[in-house]
C-alpha atoms as a PDB file:
ATOM      1  CA  MET A   1      47.863  33.361  84.833  1.00  0.00           C
ATOM      2  CA  ASP A   2      49.492  31.227  82.158  1.00  0.00           C
ATOM      3  CA  GLU A   3      50.219  32.193  78.541  1.00  0.00           C
ATOM      4  CA  LEU A   4      47.219  30.289  77.170  1.00  0.00           C
ATOM      5  CA  GLU A   5      44.841  32.179  79.461  1.00  0.00           C
ATOM      6  CA  ARG A   6      46.412  35.547  78.510  1.00  0.00           C
ATOM      7  CA  HIS A   7      45.963  34.662  74.826  1.00  0.00           C
ATOM      8  CA  ARG A   8      42.319  33.721  75.409  1.00  0.00           C
ATOM      9  CA  LEU A   9      41.697  37.018  77.225  1.00  0.00           C
ATOM     10  CA  ARG A  10      43.348  38.998  74.371  1.00  0.00           C
ATOM     11  CA  ARG A  11      41.078  37.249  71.852  1.00  0.00           C
ATOM     12  CA  VAL A  12      37.967  38.033  73.918  1.00  0.00           C
ATOM     13  CA  ALA A  13      39.028  41.675  74.385  1.00  0.00           C
ATOM     14  CA  ARG A  14      39.722  42.068  70.650  1.00  0.00           C
ATOM     15  CA  GLN A  15      36.351  40.550  69.730  1.00  0.00           C
ATOM     16  CA  ASP A  16      34.628  42.956  72.144  1.00  0.00           C
ATOM     17  CA  ALA A  17      36.499  45.919  70.633  1.00  0.00           C
ATOM     18  CA  LEU A  18      35.466  44.869  67.120  1.00  0.00           C
ATOM     19  CA  ARG A  19      31.852  44.510  68.249  1.00  0.00           C
ATOM     20  CA  ARG A  20      31.909  48.057  69.684  1.00  0.00           C
ATOM     21  CA  LEU A  21      33.090  49.303  66.269  1.00  0.00           C
ATOM     22  CA  GLY A  22      30.092  47.627  64.645  1.00  0.00           C
ATOM     23  CA  VAL A  23      31.799  44.494  63.311  1.00  0.00           C
ATOM     24  CA  SER A  24      29.480  41.531  63.667  1.00  0.00           C
ATOM     25  CA  ASN A  25      31.382  39.023  61.512  1.00  0.00           C
ATOM     26  CA  VAL A  26      34.650  37.475  62.603  1.00  0.00           C
ATOM     27  CA  ARG A  27      35.379  35.455  59.495  1.00  0.00           C
ATOM     28  CA  CYS A  28      37.139  37.089  56.599  1.00  0.00           C
ATOM     29  CA  ALA A  29      36.463  36.258  52.963  1.00  0.00           C
ATOM     30  CA  CYS A  30      39.864  34.475  52.950  1.00  0.00           C
ATOM     31  CA  GLY A  31      38.769  32.200  55.818  1.00  0.00           C
ATOM     32  CA  GLU A  32      40.677  33.828  58.691  1.00  0.00           C
ATOM     33  CA  ASP A  33      38.636  33.746  61.896  1.00  0.00           C
ATOM     34  CA  ASP A  34      41.050  34.753  64.674  1.00  0.00           C
ATOM     35  CA  PRO A  35      39.855  38.086  66.159  1.00  0.00           C
ATOM     36  CA  LEU A  36      43.479  39.039  66.858  1.00  0.00           C
ATOM     37  CA  CYS A  37      44.038  39.157  63.088  1.00  0.00           C
ATOM     38  CA  PHE A  38      40.986  41.330  62.388  1.00  0.00           C
ATOM     39  CA  GLU A  39      40.464  45.010  61.730  1.00  0.00           C
ATOM     40  CA  ALA A  40      37.325  47.040  61.202  1.00  0.00           C
ATOM     41  CA  ASP A  41      36.937  47.898  57.535  1.00  0.00           C
ATOM     42  CA  HIS A  42      35.063  51.184  57.194  1.00  0.00           C
ATOM     43  CA  VAL A  43      32.903  50.668  54.125  1.00  0.00           C
ATOM     44  CA  ASN A  44      32.295  54.391  53.536  1.00  0.00           C
ATOM     45  CA  ARG A  45      36.035  55.143  53.901  1.00  0.00           C
ATOM     46  CA  ARG A  46      35.287  57.254  56.972  1.00  0.00           C
ATOM     47  CA  MET A  47      36.229  56.391  60.514  1.00  0.00           C
ATOM     48  CA  TYR A  48      33.394  55.977  62.986  1.00  0.00           C
ATOM     49  CA  ASP A  49      30.590  56.135  60.420  1.00  0.00           C
ATOM     50  CA  GLY A  50      28.924  53.025  61.826  1.00  0.00           C
ATOM     51  CA  VAL A  51      29.260  50.942  58.674  1.00  0.00           C
ATOM     52  CA  CYS A  52      32.029  48.400  59.311  1.00  0.00           C
ATOM     53  CA  TRP A  53      32.809  44.875  58.232  1.00  0.00           C
ATOM     54  CA  GLY A  54      35.419  42.638  59.731  1.00  0.00           C
ATOM     55  CA  CYS A  55      38.415  41.924  57.567  1.00  0.00           C
ATOM     56  CA  CYS A  56      41.726  40.236  58.381  1.00  0.00           C
ATOM     57  CA  LYS A  57      44.712  42.569  58.414  1.00  0.00           C
ATOM     58  CA  ASN A  58      46.130  41.177  55.162  1.00  0.00           C
ATOM     59  CA  CYS A  59      42.882  41.472  53.191  1.00  0.00           C
ATOM     60  CA  HIS A  60      42.195  44.890  54.734  1.00  0.00           C
ATOM     61  CA  ALA A  61      45.592  46.162  53.548  1.00  0.00           C
ATOM     62  CA  LYS A  62      45.021  44.774  50.035  1.00  0.00           C
ATOM     63  CA  LYS A  63      41.479  46.147  49.877  1.00  0.00           C
ATOM     64  CA  SER A  64      42.473  49.584  51.190  1.00  0.00           C
ATOM     65  CA  SER A  65      45.367  49.856  48.744  1.00  0.00           C
ATOM     66  CA  ARG A  66      43.099  48.924  45.852  1.00  0.00           C
ATOM     67  CA  GLU A  67      40.432  51.390  47.008  1.00  0.00           C
ATOM     68  CA  GLN A  68      42.949  54.223  47.181  1.00  0.00           C
ATOM     69  CA  ALA A  69      44.032  53.465  43.634  1.00  0.00           C
ATOM     70  CA  GLU A  70      40.568  52.943  42.129  1.00  0.00           C
ATOM     71  CA  HIS A  71      38.090  55.038  44.106  1.00  0.00           C
ATOM     72  CA  PRO A  72      37.638  58.788  43.986  1.00  0.00           C
ATOM     73  CA  THR A  73      39.096  60.590  46.960  1.00  0.00           C
ATOM     74  CA  VAL A  74      36.813  61.707  49.742  1.00  0.00           C
ATOM     75  CA  GLY A  75      35.400  65.076  48.692  1.00  0.00           C
ATOM     76  CA  ILE A  76      35.403  68.416  50.431  1.00  0.00           C
ATOM     77  CA  SER A  77      31.810  68.069  51.598  1.00  0.00           C
ATOM     78  CA  PRO A  78      31.831  65.021  53.882  1.00  0.00           C
ATOM     79  CA  GLY A  79      28.173  65.581  54.745  1.00  0.00           C
ATOM     80  CA  ASP A  80      27.034  65.090  51.143  1.00  0.00           C
ATOM     81  CA  PRO A  81      24.679  62.075  51.239  1.00  0.00           C
ATOM     82  CA  PHE A  82      25.342  61.179  47.599  1.00  0.00           C
ATOM     83  CA  GLU A  83      29.085  61.026  48.207  1.00  0.00           C
ATOM     84  CA  ARG A  84      28.541  58.841  51.281  1.00  0.00           C
ATOM     85  CA  MET A  85      26.293  56.513  49.287  1.00  0.00           C
ATOM     86  CA  GLY A  86      28.813  56.367  46.441  1.00  0.00           C
ATOM     87  CA  HIS A  87      31.613  55.368  48.820  1.00  0.00           C
ATOM     88  CA  ARG A  88      29.306  52.848  50.515  1.00  0.00           C
ATOM     89  CA  PHE A  89      28.451  51.234  47.159  1.00  0.00           C
ATOM     90  CA  LEU A  90      32.091  51.134  46.049  1.00  0.00           C
ATOM     91  CA  GLY A  91      33.163  49.748  49.439  1.00  0.00           C
ATOM     92  CA  ALA A  92      30.513  47.015  49.296  1.00  0.00           C
ATOM     93  CA  ALA A  93      31.464  46.186  45.701  1.00  0.00           C
ATOM     94  CA  MET A  94      35.138  45.943  46.676  1.00  0.00           C
ATOM     95  CA  TYR A  95      34.326  43.659  49.624  1.00  0.00           C
ATOM     96  CA  LEU A  96      32.178  41.437  47.411  1.00  0.00           C
ATOM     97  CA  SER A  97      34.923  41.259  44.786  1.00  0.00           C
ATOM     98  CA  PHE A  98      37.287  39.890  47.457  1.00  0.00           C
ATOM     99  CA  CYS A  99      34.637  37.310  48.378  1.00  0.00           C
ATOM    100  CA  VAL A 100      34.259  36.340  44.709  1.00  0.00           C
ATOM    101  CA  GLU A 101      38.034  35.917  44.324  1.00  0.00           C
ATOM    102  CA  GLY A 102      38.068  33.579  47.337  1.00  0.00           C
ATOM    103  CA  LEU A 103      35.103  31.604  46.032  1.00  0.00           C
ATOM    104  CA  ARG A 104      36.767  31.180  42.639  1.00  0.00           C
ATOM    105  CA  LYS A 105      39.954  29.841  44.266  1.00  0.00           C
ATOM    106  CA  ASP A 106      37.915  27.432  46.399  1.00  0.00           C
ATOM    107  CA  ALA A 107      35.956  26.263  43.331  1.00  0.00           C
ATOM    108  CA  GLU A 108      39.200  25.642  41.421  1.00  0.00           C
ATOM    109  CA  LEU A 109      40.473  23.543  44.332  1.00  0.00           C
ATOM    110  CA  MET A 110      37.242  21.518  44.415  1.00  0.00           C
ATOM    111  CA  PHE A 111      37.515  20.802  40.674  1.00  0.00           C
ATOM    112  CA  LYS A 112      41.145  19.710  41.112  1.00  0.00           C
ATOM    113  CA  LEU A 113      40.106  17.372  43.933  1.00  0.00           C
ATOM    114  CA  SER A 114      37.123  15.962  42.050  1.00  0.00           C
ATOM    115  CA  GLY A 115      37.700  12.638  40.384  1.00  0.00           C
ATOM    116  CA  LYS A 116      40.680  11.797  42.592  1.00  0.00           C
ATOM    117  CA  GLY A 117      38.737   9.173  44.540  1.00  0.00           C
ATOM    118  CA  ILE A 118      38.639  11.165  47.760  1.00  0.00           C
ATOM    119  CA  ALA A 119      35.611  10.256  49.881  1.00  0.00           C
ATOM    120  CA  ILE A 120      33.897  12.887  51.973  1.00  0.00           C
ATOM    121  CA  GLU A 121      32.122  11.398  54.943  1.00  0.00           C
ATOM    122  CA  ASP A 122      28.936  13.040  56.255  1.00  0.00           C
END
């Protein structure tokens, strides 16, 4: 088996592992789409809670660091449904804020490119 085939098999295995964790998207808000670069982001800040989004390793590290700084710590009663919902809402808000940051950067690029005479073919 050559190196290209081993790489393809690693990508397939990683995508399957992400799917088992509940990750259905393999495109990060930053545009990364290689499954080898992805991690499961646990929205409720709890492992194996069934609520995961795919995130590239870089964005996951940034998001997790920001969450640890901004979000309340996980309480002493992990079964409390209100605490779970609170972490779910904050996790979703954090994920959406990363999407918004990416969209703003893309919009700025489009405005810089506009008026430069660049033709986009259909």
